[in-house]
Amino acid sequence: MAEPHGATTDLDDVLSAALNGDENAFRMVFRDLHPRLVRYLRALVGADAEDVAAEAWSQIARDHRTFRGDYDKFRGWASAIARNRAIDLLRRRGRRPEEPAPVDEMVDLAGHDHEAQEAFDRIDQGDAVALITTLPRPMAEAVLLRVVMGMNAKEAGRVLGKSPGAVRTAAYRGLRELAGRLETGSDAAVPKDAR
């Protein structure tokens, strides 16, 4: 969910302190961002999400001095690092994730989009992530970044290397596809291995 303006300002201040070496501030940033990264990564790499997140945090800790920007940009930067680590793992595996993330972890983080909330409200909690991962990859990643990570289209575009308009379009099409599958009750709505 989008933070109120004051919360973003507070996180900007905490991030600034963290980047200047304040360990308590870094812990606060970690506590806020880590659960979101793990949820996003679970949809990409399944049970290896924690390991991939650890690799990402290792790189973040190593390279944080090169980062410039506010908390929203940091969230995007960290997500891009995590995504790159996930892609590396998927290349090594040579296949798609086996274990989808539990939906009860995602439902609470519905993003800014009203359509996203409506789609999640209609999805059986046990099948939501499995359903998202059946979308074409560009749509699935756009939905995950917008809904799970709570990013705006511009930040999600930076992570994916796409324009904000392309991200908005992919997320919109993905959510429409999910809603259509749910409305028709089609067997394609839920992957056979998730039933």
N, C-alpha and C. Protein backbone atom coordinates (compact mmCIF):
# COMPACT_ATOMS: atom_id res chain seq x y z
N MET A 1 0.83 -1.18 0.00
CA MET A 1 0.00 0.00 0.00
C MET A 1 0.87 1.24 0.00
N ALA A 2 0.37 2.28 -0.58
CA ALA A 2 1.11 3.52 -0.61
C ALA A 2 1.20 4.10 0.79
N GLU A 3 2.37 4.61 1.10
CA GLU A 3 2.53 5.25 2.40
C GLU A 3 2.01 6.67 2.33
N PRO A 4 1.47 7.18 3.44
CA PRO A 4 1.10 8.58 3.46
C PRO A 4 2.36 9.42 3.25
N HIS A 5 2.18 10.64 2.77
CA HIS A 5 3.33 11.49 2.45
C HIS A 5 4.29 11.60 3.63
N GLY A 6 3.80 11.76 4.84
CA GLY A 6 4.66 11.88 6.01
C GLY A 6 5.49 10.63 6.25
N ALA A 7 4.91 9.46 5.99
CA ALA A 7 5.64 8.20 6.18
C ALA A 7 6.79 8.10 5.18
N THR A 8 6.55 8.55 3.94
CA THR A 8 7.62 8.53 2.94
C THR A 8 8.74 9.46 3.36
N THR A 9 8.40 10.64 3.86
CA THR A 9 9.41 11.58 4.32
C THR A 9 10.22 10.97 5.46
N ASP A 10 9.54 10.31 6.40
CA ASP A 10 10.24 9.66 7.50
C ASP A 10 11.18 8.59 6.97
N LEU A 11 10.72 7.79 6.01
CA LEU A 11 11.57 6.74 5.44
C LEU A 11 12.74 7.35 4.67
N ASP A 12 12.52 8.49 4.04
CA ASP A 12 13.62 9.18 3.36
C ASP A 12 14.70 9.56 4.36
N ASP A 13 14.28 10.08 5.53
CA ASP A 13 15.23 10.47 6.57
C ASP A 13 15.96 9.26 7.14
N VAL A 14 15.22 8.17 7.36
CA VAL A 14 15.82 6.95 7.88
C VAL A 14 16.83 6.40 6.87
N LEU A 15 16.46 6.41 5.60
CA LEU A 15 17.36 5.92 4.56
C LEU A 15 18.64 6.76 4.52
N SER A 16 18.49 8.06 4.60
CA SER A 16 19.65 8.94 4.59
C SER A 16 20.60 8.60 5.74
N ALA A 17 20.05 8.39 6.92
CA ALA A 17 20.88 8.01 8.07
C ALA A 17 21.53 6.64 7.83
N ALA A 18 20.77 5.71 7.27
CA ALA A 18 21.31 4.37 7.00
C ALA A 18 22.46 4.43 6.01
N LEU A 19 22.31 5.23 4.97
CA LEU A 19 23.36 5.35 3.96
C LEU A 19 24.60 6.04 4.51
N ASN A 20 24.42 6.76 5.62
CA ASN A 20 25.56 7.43 6.26
C ASN A 20 26.13 6.62 7.41
N GLY A 21 25.75 5.33 7.48
CA GLY A 21 26.37 4.44 8.44
C GLY A 21 25.61 4.17 9.73
N ASP A 22 24.43 4.69 9.90
CA ASP A 22 23.64 4.45 11.11
C ASP A 22 23.05 3.04 11.04
N GLU A 23 23.56 2.13 11.88
CA GLU A 23 23.14 0.74 11.85
C GLU A 23 21.67 0.56 12.23
N ASN A 24 21.19 1.33 13.21
CA ASN A 24 19.77 1.24 13.59
C ASN A 24 18.87 1.67 12.45
N ALA A 25 19.27 2.71 11.74
CA ALA A 25 18.48 3.16 10.59
C ALA A 25 18.49 2.10 9.49
N PHE A 26 19.64 1.46 9.28
CA PHE A 26 19.69 0.41 8.27
C PHE A 26 18.77 -0.75 8.65
N ARG A 27 18.72 -1.08 9.93
CA ARG A 27 17.81 -2.14 10.40
C ARG A 27 16.35 -1.75 10.11
N MET A 28 16.02 -0.48 10.29
CA MET A 28 14.64 -0.03 10.01
C MET A 28 14.32 -0.16 8.52
N VAL A 29 15.26 0.22 7.68
CA VAL A 29 15.07 0.08 6.23
C VAL A 29 14.90 -1.39 5.88
N PHE A 30 15.75 -2.23 6.44
CA PHE A 30 15.68 -3.67 6.19
C PHE A 30 14.33 -4.23 6.63
N ARG A 31 13.88 -3.87 7.81
CA ARG A 31 12.60 -4.39 8.32
C ARG A 31 11.42 -3.97 7.46
N ASP A 32 11.50 -2.79 6.88
CA ASP A 32 10.42 -2.33 6.02
C ASP A 32 10.46 -3.01 4.66
N LEU A 33 11.63 -3.13 4.08
CA LEU A 33 11.75 -3.58 2.69
C LEU A 33 11.90 -5.09 2.53
N HIS A 34 12.56 -5.74 3.45
CA HIS A 34 12.85 -7.17 3.29
C HIS A 34 11.61 -8.04 3.07
N PRO A 35 10.55 -7.89 3.86
CA PRO A 35 9.36 -8.75 3.62
C PRO A 35 8.79 -8.57 2.22
N ARG A 36 8.79 -7.36 1.70
CA ARG A 36 8.28 -7.11 0.35
C ARG A 36 9.16 -7.80 -0.69
N LEU A 37 10.49 -7.67 -0.50
CA LEU A 37 11.40 -8.32 -1.45
C LEU A 37 11.20 -9.83 -1.46
N VAL A 38 11.06 -10.41 -0.28
CA VAL A 38 10.89 -11.86 -0.20
C VAL A 38 9.59 -12.28 -0.89
N ARG A 39 8.50 -11.54 -0.70
CA ARG A 39 7.24 -11.88 -1.36
C ARG A 39 7.39 -11.81 -2.88
N TYR A 40 8.03 -10.76 -3.35
CA TYR A 40 8.27 -10.61 -4.78
C TYR A 40 9.13 -11.77 -5.29
N LEU A 41 10.19 -12.07 -4.58
CA LEU A 41 11.09 -13.14 -5.01
C LEU A 41 10.45 -14.52 -4.95
N ARG A 42 9.55 -14.74 -4.00
CA ARG A 42 8.87 -16.04 -3.93
C ARG A 42 8.08 -16.31 -5.21
N ALA A 43 7.50 -15.27 -5.75
CA ALA A 43 6.75 -15.45 -6.98
C ALA A 43 7.68 -15.73 -8.16
N LEU A 44 8.93 -15.28 -8.07
CA LEU A 44 9.88 -15.50 -9.15
C LEU A 44 10.65 -16.81 -9.00
N VAL A 45 11.09 -17.14 -7.76
CA VAL A 45 11.99 -18.28 -7.58
C VAL A 45 11.51 -19.29 -6.56
N GLY A 46 10.31 -19.13 -6.04
CA GLY A 46 9.75 -20.10 -5.10
C GLY A 46 10.51 -20.17 -3.79
N ALA A 47 10.83 -21.39 -3.38
CA ALA A 47 11.43 -21.63 -2.06
C ALA A 47 12.82 -21.02 -1.90
N ASP A 48 13.44 -20.64 -2.98
CA ASP A 48 14.78 -20.04 -2.90
C ASP A 48 14.75 -18.54 -2.63
N ALA A 49 13.57 -17.99 -2.37
CA ALA A 49 13.42 -16.55 -2.20
C ALA A 49 14.31 -15.99 -1.10
N GLU A 50 14.36 -16.64 0.04
CA GLU A 50 15.19 -16.13 1.15
C GLU A 50 16.66 -16.11 0.77
N ASP A 51 17.13 -17.15 0.09
CA ASP A 51 18.53 -17.19 -0.33
C ASP A 51 18.85 -16.08 -1.33
N VAL A 52 17.94 -15.88 -2.28
CA VAL A 52 18.14 -14.83 -3.27
C VAL A 52 18.09 -13.46 -2.59
N ALA A 53 17.17 -13.29 -1.63
CA ALA A 53 17.09 -12.02 -0.90
C ALA A 53 18.39 -11.77 -0.14
N ALA A 54 18.96 -12.82 0.44
CA ALA A 54 20.23 -12.66 1.17
C ALA A 54 21.34 -12.21 0.22
N GLU A 55 21.37 -12.80 -0.97
CA GLU A 55 22.36 -12.37 -1.97
C GLU A 55 22.14 -10.91 -2.34
N ALA A 56 20.88 -10.54 -2.51
CA ALA A 56 20.57 -9.15 -2.88
C ALA A 56 20.99 -8.20 -1.78
N TRP A 57 20.68 -8.53 -0.51
CA TRP A 57 21.06 -7.65 0.60
C TRP A 57 22.59 -7.56 0.73
N SER A 58 23.27 -8.62 0.42
CA SER A 58 24.73 -8.58 0.45
C SER A 58 25.25 -7.56 -0.56
N GLN A 59 24.67 -7.59 -1.78
CA GLN A 59 25.07 -6.62 -2.79
C GLN A 59 24.65 -5.21 -2.39
N ILE A 60 23.46 -5.07 -1.83
CA ILE A 60 22.99 -3.75 -1.38
C ILE A 60 23.94 -3.18 -0.33
N ALA A 61 24.32 -4.00 0.63
CA ALA A 61 25.24 -3.54 1.68
C ALA A 61 26.60 -3.17 1.08
N ARG A 62 27.04 -3.94 0.11
CA ARG A 62 28.34 -3.67 -0.51
C ARG A 62 28.31 -2.39 -1.35
N ASP A 63 27.21 -2.16 -2.08
CA ASP A 63 27.15 -1.07 -3.05
C ASP A 63 26.34 0.14 -2.61
N HIS A 64 25.86 0.16 -1.37
CA HIS A 64 24.94 1.24 -0.95
C HIS A 64 25.53 2.63 -1.08
N ARG A 65 26.84 2.74 -1.02
CA ARG A 65 27.46 4.07 -1.13
C ARG A 65 27.31 4.67 -2.53
N THR A 66 27.02 3.84 -3.51
CA THR A 66 26.83 4.35 -4.88
C THR A 66 25.41 4.82 -5.12
N PHE A 67 24.49 4.51 -4.21
CA PHE A 67 23.09 4.87 -4.40
C PHE A 67 22.86 6.35 -4.14
N ARG A 68 22.02 6.96 -4.99
CA ARG A 68 21.58 8.35 -4.80
C ARG A 68 20.09 8.40 -5.03
N GLY A 69 19.35 8.97 -4.09
CA GLY A 69 17.92 9.13 -4.29
C GLY A 69 17.15 8.97 -3.00
N ASP A 70 15.82 9.02 -3.13
CA ASP A 70 14.93 8.91 -1.98
C ASP A 70 14.57 7.45 -1.73
N TYR A 71 13.66 7.23 -0.78
CA TYR A 71 13.30 5.86 -0.40
C TYR A 71 12.61 5.12 -1.54
N ASP A 72 11.75 5.80 -2.28
CA ASP A 72 11.09 5.14 -3.41
C ASP A 72 12.12 4.65 -4.43
N LYS A 73 13.09 5.46 -4.71
CA LYS A 73 14.15 5.05 -5.65
C LYS A 73 14.99 3.93 -5.06
N PHE A 74 15.22 3.97 -3.76
CA PHE A 74 15.98 2.90 -3.11
C PHE A 74 15.22 1.58 -3.22
N ARG A 75 13.92 1.64 -3.00
CA ARG A 75 13.09 0.44 -3.12
C ARG A 75 13.20 -0.14 -4.53
N GLY A 76 13.18 0.73 -5.52
CA GLY A 76 13.33 0.28 -6.91
C GLY A 76 14.71 -0.28 -7.18
N TRP A 77 15.74 0.39 -6.66
CA TRP A 77 17.12 -0.07 -6.82
C TRP A 77 17.30 -1.44 -6.18
N ALA A 78 16.80 -1.60 -4.97
CA ALA A 78 16.91 -2.89 -4.27
C ALA A 78 16.12 -3.97 -5.01
N SER A 79 14.97 -3.62 -5.54
CA SER A 79 14.16 -4.59 -6.30
C SER A 79 14.87 -5.02 -7.57
N ALA A 80 15.53 -4.09 -8.23
CA ALA A 80 16.29 -4.43 -9.44
C ALA A 80 17.43 -5.39 -9.11
N ILE A 81 18.11 -5.14 -8.02
CA ILE A 81 19.18 -6.05 -7.59
C ILE A 81 18.61 -7.43 -7.30
N ALA A 82 17.51 -7.48 -6.55
CA ALA A 82 16.89 -8.76 -6.22
C ALA A 82 16.41 -9.48 -7.48
N ARG A 83 15.82 -8.75 -8.40
CA ARG A 83 15.36 -9.34 -9.66
C ARG A 83 16.53 -9.92 -10.44
N ASN A 84 17.63 -9.19 -10.50
CA ASN A 84 18.81 -9.69 -11.22
C ASN A 84 19.34 -10.97 -10.58
N ARG A 85 19.35 -11.02 -9.25
CA ARG A 85 19.80 -12.26 -8.57
C ARG A 85 18.84 -13.40 -8.86
N ALA A 86 17.53 -13.10 -8.92
CA ALA A 86 16.53 -14.13 -9.22
C ALA A 86 16.71 -14.65 -10.65
N ILE A 87 16.93 -13.74 -11.59
CA ILE A 87 17.14 -14.14 -12.98
C ILE A 87 18.39 -15.02 -13.09
N ASP A 88 19.44 -14.66 -12.37
CA ASP A 88 20.65 -15.50 -12.36
C ASP A 88 20.31 -16.91 -11.89
N LEU A 89 19.54 -17.02 -10.82
CA LEU A 89 19.16 -18.33 -10.30
C LEU A 89 18.31 -19.09 -11.32
N LEU A 90 17.34 -18.42 -11.92
CA LEU A 90 16.49 -19.09 -12.90
C LEU A 90 17.29 -19.57 -14.10
N ARG A 91 18.28 -18.80 -14.49
CA ARG A 91 19.14 -19.25 -15.60
C ARG A 91 19.91 -20.50 -15.20
N ARG A 92 20.40 -20.50 -13.97
CA ARG A 92 21.12 -21.69 -13.50
C ARG A 92 20.18 -22.89 -13.43
N ARG A 93 18.96 -22.67 -13.01
CA ARG A 93 17.98 -23.74 -12.91
C ARG A 93 17.49 -24.19 -14.27
N GLY A 94 17.28 -23.21 -15.15
CA GLY A 94 16.75 -23.51 -16.46
C GLY A 94 15.26 -23.82 -16.47
N ARG A 95 14.55 -23.38 -15.46
CA ARG A 95 13.10 -23.63 -15.40
C ARG A 95 12.42 -22.58 -14.54
N ARG A 96 11.10 -22.61 -14.55
CA ARG A 96 10.28 -21.66 -13.79
C ARG A 96 10.17 -22.10 -12.35
N PRO A 97 9.70 -21.21 -11.46
CA PRO A 97 9.58 -21.56 -10.05
C PRO A 97 8.61 -22.71 -9.83
N GLU A 98 8.90 -23.51 -8.81
CA GLU A 98 8.05 -24.65 -8.49
C GLU A 98 7.04 -24.33 -7.42
N GLU A 99 7.39 -23.50 -6.45
CA GLU A 99 6.52 -23.24 -5.31
C GLU A 99 6.08 -21.78 -5.30
N PRO A 100 4.80 -21.54 -5.54
CA PRO A 100 4.34 -20.15 -5.48
C PRO A 100 4.28 -19.65 -4.04
N ALA A 101 4.33 -18.35 -3.89
CA ALA A 101 4.24 -17.73 -2.57
C ALA A 101 2.83 -17.85 -2.03
N PRO A 102 2.68 -17.99 -0.71
CA PRO A 102 1.34 -18.00 -0.14
C PRO A 102 0.67 -16.65 -0.32
N VAL A 103 -0.57 -16.69 -0.77
CA VAL A 103 -1.29 -15.45 -1.04
C VAL A 103 -1.58 -14.64 0.20
N ASP A 104 -1.75 -15.29 1.34
CA ASP A 104 -2.08 -14.52 2.54
C ASP A 104 -0.98 -13.51 2.84
N GLU A 105 0.23 -13.74 2.35
CA GLU A 105 1.31 -12.76 2.52
C GLU A 105 1.17 -11.60 1.54
N MET A 106 0.51 -11.83 0.41
CA MET A 106 0.42 -10.79 -0.61
C MET A 106 -0.82 -9.93 -0.47
N VAL A 107 -1.91 -10.49 -0.01
CA VAL A 107 -3.18 -9.78 0.01
C VAL A 107 -3.08 -8.49 0.82
N ASP A 108 -2.34 -8.53 1.92
CA ASP A 108 -2.21 -7.34 2.77
C ASP A 108 -1.43 -6.23 2.10
N LEU A 109 -0.70 -6.53 1.05
CA LEU A 109 0.15 -5.54 0.40
C LEU A 109 -0.40 -5.04 -0.93
N ALA A 110 -1.69 -5.16 -1.15
CA ALA A 110 -2.23 -4.70 -2.42
C ALA A 110 -1.81 -3.25 -2.62
N GLY A 111 -1.39 -2.94 -3.81
CA GLY A 111 -0.81 -1.64 -4.10
C GLY A 111 -1.82 -0.54 -4.29
N HIS A 112 -1.43 0.44 -5.08
CA HIS A 112 -2.22 1.63 -5.28
C HIS A 112 -3.42 1.40 -6.19
N ASP A 113 -3.37 0.38 -7.01
CA ASP A 113 -4.37 0.20 -8.04
C ASP A 113 -5.66 -0.39 -7.48
N HIS A 114 -6.77 0.28 -7.77
CA HIS A 114 -8.08 -0.22 -7.36
C HIS A 114 -8.37 -1.57 -8.02
N GLU A 115 -7.97 -1.71 -9.31
CA GLU A 115 -8.19 -2.97 -10.02
C GLU A 115 -7.45 -4.11 -9.34
N ALA A 116 -6.25 -3.83 -8.84
CA ALA A 116 -5.47 -4.87 -8.18
C ALA A 116 -6.20 -5.37 -6.95
N GLN A 117 -6.73 -4.46 -6.15
CA GLN A 117 -7.43 -4.86 -4.95
C GLN A 117 -8.67 -5.68 -5.30
N GLU A 118 -9.40 -5.25 -6.30
CA GLU A 118 -10.59 -5.99 -6.72
C GLU A 118 -10.22 -7.39 -7.19
N ALA A 119 -9.14 -7.50 -7.96
CA ALA A 119 -8.72 -8.81 -8.45
C ALA A 119 -8.34 -9.71 -7.29
N PHE A 120 -7.59 -9.19 -6.33
CA PHE A 120 -7.18 -10.01 -5.19
C PHE A 120 -8.38 -10.39 -4.32
N ASP A 121 -9.36 -9.50 -4.22
CA ASP A 121 -10.55 -9.82 -3.43
C ASP A 121 -11.31 -11.01 -4.00
N ARG A 122 -11.21 -11.22 -5.32
CA ARG A 122 -11.95 -12.30 -5.96
C ARG A 122 -11.14 -13.59 -6.08
N ILE A 123 -9.88 -13.57 -5.75
CA ILE A 123 -9.03 -14.75 -5.91
C ILE A 123 -9.00 -15.54 -4.61
N ASP A 124 -9.18 -16.85 -4.74
CA ASP A 124 -9.00 -17.73 -3.59
C ASP A 124 -7.56 -17.58 -3.13
N GLN A 125 -7.37 -17.34 -1.85
CA GLN A 125 -6.04 -17.03 -1.34
C GLN A 125 -4.99 -18.06 -1.68
N GLY A 126 -5.37 -19.33 -1.73
CA GLY A 126 -4.39 -20.36 -2.01
C GLY A 126 -3.92 -20.39 -3.45
N ASP A 127 -4.60 -19.67 -4.35
CA ASP A 127 -4.28 -19.76 -5.76
C ASP A 127 -3.75 -18.46 -6.39
N ALA A 128 -3.74 -17.37 -5.67
CA ALA A 128 -3.42 -16.07 -6.28
C ALA A 128 -2.03 -16.02 -6.90
N VAL A 129 -1.02 -16.41 -6.19
CA VAL A 129 0.33 -16.32 -6.76
C VAL A 129 0.48 -17.31 -7.90
N ALA A 130 -0.06 -18.50 -7.73
CA ALA A 130 -0.01 -19.47 -8.82
C ALA A 130 -0.68 -18.90 -10.05
N LEU A 131 -1.77 -18.19 -9.87
CA LEU A 131 -2.48 -17.58 -10.97
C LEU A 131 -1.64 -16.48 -11.63
N ILE A 132 -1.02 -15.64 -10.83
CA ILE A 132 -0.19 -14.56 -11.37
C ILE A 132 0.96 -15.15 -12.19
N THR A 133 1.56 -16.22 -11.70
CA THR A 133 2.71 -16.79 -12.42
C THR A 133 2.32 -17.47 -13.73
N THR A 134 1.01 -17.65 -13.99
CA THR A 134 0.57 -18.20 -15.27
C THR A 134 0.49 -17.12 -16.35
N LEU A 135 0.55 -15.86 -15.94
CA LEU A 135 0.53 -14.77 -16.91
C LEU A 135 1.85 -14.77 -17.68
N PRO A 136 1.86 -14.20 -18.86
CA PRO A 136 3.15 -14.00 -19.54
C PRO A 136 4.08 -13.21 -18.61
N ARG A 137 5.35 -13.52 -18.66
CA ARG A 137 6.31 -12.95 -17.72
C ARG A 137 6.25 -11.42 -17.61
N PRO A 138 6.18 -10.67 -18.72
CA PRO A 138 6.12 -9.20 -18.57
C PRO A 138 4.91 -8.74 -17.75
N MET A 139 3.76 -9.39 -17.97
CA MET A 139 2.57 -9.02 -17.19
C MET A 139 2.73 -9.42 -15.73
N ALA A 140 3.21 -10.63 -15.49
CA ALA A 140 3.37 -11.12 -14.11
C ALA A 140 4.31 -10.23 -13.33
N GLU A 141 5.44 -9.87 -13.92
CA GLU A 141 6.39 -9.03 -13.19
C GLU A 141 5.83 -7.63 -12.94
N ALA A 142 5.10 -7.09 -13.91
CA ALA A 142 4.50 -5.77 -13.72
C ALA A 142 3.49 -5.81 -12.58
N VAL A 143 2.65 -6.85 -12.54
CA VAL A 143 1.67 -6.98 -11.46
C VAL A 143 2.38 -7.14 -10.12
N LEU A 144 3.40 -7.97 -10.07
CA LEU A 144 4.13 -8.19 -8.82
C LEU A 144 4.78 -6.91 -8.30
N LEU A 145 5.44 -6.18 -9.20
CA LEU A 145 6.11 -4.95 -8.75
C LEU A 145 5.11 -3.89 -8.33
N ARG A 146 4.02 -3.77 -9.06
CA ARG A 146 3.03 -2.74 -8.72
C ARG A 146 2.25 -3.11 -7.47
N VAL A 147 1.85 -4.38 -7.34
CA VAL A 147 0.98 -4.78 -6.24
C VAL A 147 1.78 -5.24 -5.03
N VAL A 148 2.70 -6.15 -5.21
CA VAL A 148 3.44 -6.70 -4.08
C VAL A 148 4.46 -5.70 -3.54
N MET A 149 5.23 -5.12 -4.43
CA MET A 149 6.26 -4.17 -4.00
C MET A 149 5.70 -2.77 -3.78
N GLY A 150 4.51 -2.50 -4.27
CA GLY A 150 3.88 -1.20 -4.07
C GLY A 150 4.55 -0.08 -4.82
N MET A 151 5.18 -0.39 -5.94
CA MET A 151 5.90 0.63 -6.71
C MET A 151 4.97 1.36 -7.66
N ASN A 152 5.34 2.59 -7.95
CA ASN A 152 4.64 3.30 -9.01
C ASN A 152 5.20 2.83 -10.35
N ALA A 153 4.56 3.22 -11.43
CA ALA A 153 4.96 2.73 -12.75
C ALA A 153 6.37 3.16 -13.12
N LYS A 154 6.76 4.35 -12.70
CA LYS A 154 8.10 4.85 -13.05
C LYS A 154 9.19 3.99 -12.39
N GLU A 155 9.04 3.70 -11.10
CA GLU A 155 10.04 2.89 -10.40
C GLU A 155 10.03 1.46 -10.92
N ALA A 156 8.84 0.90 -11.15
CA ALA A 156 8.76 -0.47 -11.69
C ALA A 156 9.41 -0.52 -13.07
N GLY A 157 9.23 0.54 -13.85
CA GLY A 157 9.86 0.62 -15.17
C GLY A 157 11.37 0.60 -15.09
N ARG A 158 11.90 1.27 -14.09
CA ARG A 158 13.36 1.25 -13.90
C ARG A 158 13.85 -0.15 -13.60
N VAL A 159 13.11 -0.87 -12.77
CA VAL A 159 13.50 -2.24 -12.42
C VAL A 159 13.47 -3.13 -13.65
N LEU A 160 12.42 -2.99 -14.46
CA LEU A 160 12.23 -3.87 -15.62
C LEU A 160 12.91 -3.37 -16.89
N GLY A 161 13.43 -2.15 -16.85
CA GLY A 161 14.04 -1.58 -18.04
C GLY A 161 13.01 -1.22 -19.10
N LYS A 162 11.84 -0.77 -18.64
CA LYS A 162 10.74 -0.42 -19.55
C LYS A 162 10.23 0.96 -19.19
N SER A 163 9.46 1.54 -20.10
CA SER A 163 8.86 2.84 -19.83
C SER A 163 7.73 2.68 -18.82
N PRO A 164 7.42 3.76 -18.07
CA PRO A 164 6.29 3.69 -17.14
C PRO A 164 4.98 3.30 -17.84
N GLY A 165 4.79 3.79 -19.05
CA GLY A 165 3.58 3.44 -19.80
C GLY A 165 3.52 1.96 -20.12
N ALA A 166 4.66 1.37 -20.47
CA ALA A 166 4.69 -0.07 -20.76
C ALA A 166 4.38 -0.88 -19.51
N VAL A 167 4.87 -0.42 -18.36
CA VAL A 167 4.59 -1.12 -17.10
C VAL A 167 3.12 -1.00 -16.75
N ARG A 168 2.57 0.21 -16.86
CA ARG A 168 1.14 0.39 -16.57
C ARG A 168 0.30 -0.49 -17.49
N THR A 169 0.66 -0.53 -18.75
CA THR A 169 -0.09 -1.34 -19.71
C THR A 169 0.01 -2.83 -19.37
N ALA A 170 1.22 -3.30 -19.08
CA ALA A 170 1.40 -4.72 -18.75
C ALA A 170 0.65 -5.08 -17.47
N ALA A 171 0.72 -4.22 -16.46
CA ALA A 171 0.01 -4.49 -15.20
C ALA A 171 -1.50 -4.48 -15.44
N TYR A 172 -1.97 -3.50 -16.18
CA TYR A 172 -3.40 -3.41 -16.48
C TYR A 172 -3.87 -4.65 -17.24
N ARG A 173 -3.13 -5.03 -18.27
CA ARG A 173 -3.51 -6.21 -19.05
C ARG A 173 -3.45 -7.47 -18.20
N GLY A 174 -2.44 -7.57 -17.34
CA GLY A 174 -2.34 -8.72 -16.46
C GLY A 174 -3.50 -8.81 -15.50
N LEU A 175 -3.86 -7.68 -14.90
CA LEU A 175 -4.99 -7.67 -13.97
C LEU A 175 -6.31 -7.95 -14.69
N ARG A 176 -6.45 -7.41 -15.91
CA ARG A 176 -7.66 -7.69 -16.70
C ARG A 176 -7.73 -9.17 -17.06
N GLU A 177 -6.58 -9.74 -17.41
CA GLU A 177 -6.54 -11.17 -17.75
C GLU A 177 -6.94 -12.00 -16.53
N LEU A 178 -6.41 -11.66 -15.38
CA LEU A 178 -6.77 -12.39 -14.15
C LEU A 178 -8.26 -12.24 -13.85
N ALA A 179 -8.76 -11.03 -13.95
CA ALA A 179 -10.18 -10.79 -13.69
C ALA A 179 -11.05 -11.56 -14.66
N GLY A 180 -10.66 -11.59 -15.94
CA GLY A 180 -11.41 -12.33 -16.94
C GLY A 180 -11.44 -13.82 -16.64
N ARG A 181 -10.31 -14.35 -16.25
CA ARG A 181 -10.26 -15.77 -15.91
C ARG A 181 -11.16 -16.07 -14.71
N LEU A 182 -11.16 -15.18 -13.75
CA LEU A 182 -11.97 -15.39 -12.56
C LEU A 182 -13.46 -15.27 -12.86
N GLU A 183 -13.82 -14.31 -13.72
CA GLU A 183 -15.22 -14.12 -14.06
C GLU A 183 -15.79 -15.29 -14.83
N THR A 184 -15.00 -15.86 -15.73
CA THR A 184 -15.49 -16.98 -16.53
C THR A 184 -15.39 -18.29 -15.77
N GLY A 185 -14.60 -18.28 -14.70
CA GLY A 185 -14.42 -19.51 -13.93
C GLY A 185 -13.71 -20.57 -14.75
N SER A 186 -12.94 -20.13 -15.71
CA SER A 186 -12.28 -21.08 -16.61
C SER A 186 -11.26 -21.92 -15.87
N ASP A 187 -11.05 -23.13 -16.40
CA ASP A 187 -10.04 -24.01 -15.83
C ASP A 187 -8.65 -23.41 -15.97
N ALA A 188 -8.48 -22.48 -16.90
CA ALA A 188 -7.18 -21.84 -17.07
C ALA A 188 -6.90 -20.87 -15.95
N ALA A 189 -7.92 -20.56 -15.13
CA ALA A 189 -7.73 -19.60 -14.04
C ALA A 189 -6.75 -20.10 -13.00
N VAL A 190 -6.74 -21.41 -12.77
CA VAL A 190 -5.86 -21.97 -11.76
C VAL A 190 -5.05 -23.08 -12.39
N PRO A 191 -3.72 -23.00 -12.30
CA PRO A 191 -2.90 -24.06 -12.87
C PRO A 191 -3.26 -25.41 -12.26
N LYS A 192 -3.19 -26.46 -13.07
CA LYS A 192 -3.55 -27.79 -12.62
C LYS A 192 -2.75 -28.22 -11.41
N ASP A 193 -1.46 -27.89 -11.36
CA ASP A 193 -0.63 -28.31 -10.23
C ASP A 193 -0.94 -27.52 -8.97
N ALA A 194 -1.75 -26.45 -9.07
CA ALA A 194 -2.09 -25.66 -7.87
C ALA A 194 -3.43 -26.07 -7.30
N ARG A 195 -4.14 -26.98 -7.98
CA ARG A 195 -5.46 -27.39 -7.51
C ARG A 195 -5.35 -28.38 -6.40
